[in-house]
Amino acid sequence: MGIDNETAQSTIRFSIGKYTTQDDIDFAINKVEEVLTTLRPIKLK
């Protein structure tokens, strides 16, 4: 993808297609928010 390893390791890539619904997108956004809320307080090495 032409990016450095550190950036690649801190990136989430999503793909959507013609059958992806708004509900699918909303579901994914909500799940990512849940995970980030859990992970942000954790200090990563």
Protein backbone atom coordinates (compact mmCIF):
# COMPACT_ATOMS: atom_id res chain seq x y z
CA MET A 1 0.00 0.00 0.00
CA GLY A 2 3.03 2.25 0.04
CA ILE A 3 3.02 3.14 3.76
CA ASP A 4 5.50 2.48 6.54
CA ASN A 5 5.07 -0.50 8.89
CA GLU A 6 4.10 1.58 11.94
CA THR A 7 1.29 3.27 10.04
CA ALA A 8 0.16 -0.03 8.54
CA GLN A 9 -0.01 -1.59 12.00
CA SER A 10 -2.28 1.21 13.25
CA THR A 11 -4.68 1.26 10.31
CA ILE A 12 -8.05 -0.36 9.67
CA ARG A 13 -9.10 -0.86 6.08
CA PHE A 14 -12.72 -1.38 5.09
CA SER A 15 -14.11 -2.46 1.76
CA ILE A 16 -17.69 -1.97 0.68
CA GLY A 17 -19.55 -3.18 -2.35
CA LYS A 18 -22.85 -2.80 -4.05
CA TYR A 19 -24.50 -5.19 -1.56
CA THR A 20 -23.19 -3.38 1.53
CA THR A 21 -26.09 -1.75 3.32
CA GLN A 22 -26.17 1.30 5.55
CA ASP A 23 -26.99 -1.10 8.41
CA ASP A 24 -23.76 -3.01 7.66
CA ILE A 25 -21.76 0.21 7.79
CA ASP A 26 -23.46 1.37 11.00
CA PHE A 27 -22.79 -2.03 12.58
CA ALA A 28 -19.09 -1.85 11.69
CA ILE A 29 -18.77 1.70 13.01
CA ASN A 30 -20.40 0.73 16.30
CA LYS A 31 -18.12 -2.29 16.72
CA VAL A 32 -15.00 -0.25 16.01
CA GLU A 33 -16.12 2.36 18.55
CA GLU A 34 -16.65 -0.38 21.17
CA VAL A 35 -13.21 -1.87 20.60
CA LEU A 36 -11.46 1.51 20.61
CA THR A 37 -13.16 2.44 23.86
CA THR A 38 -11.78 -0.77 25.38
CA LEU A 39 -8.28 -0.50 23.89
CA ARG A 40 -7.52 3.21 24.36
CA PRO A 41 -6.83 2.94 28.12
CA ILE A 42 -4.41 0.03 27.54
CA LYS A 43 -0.78 1.08 27.23
CA LEU A 44 0.73 -0.77 24.28
CA LYS A 45 4.45 -1.48 24.18
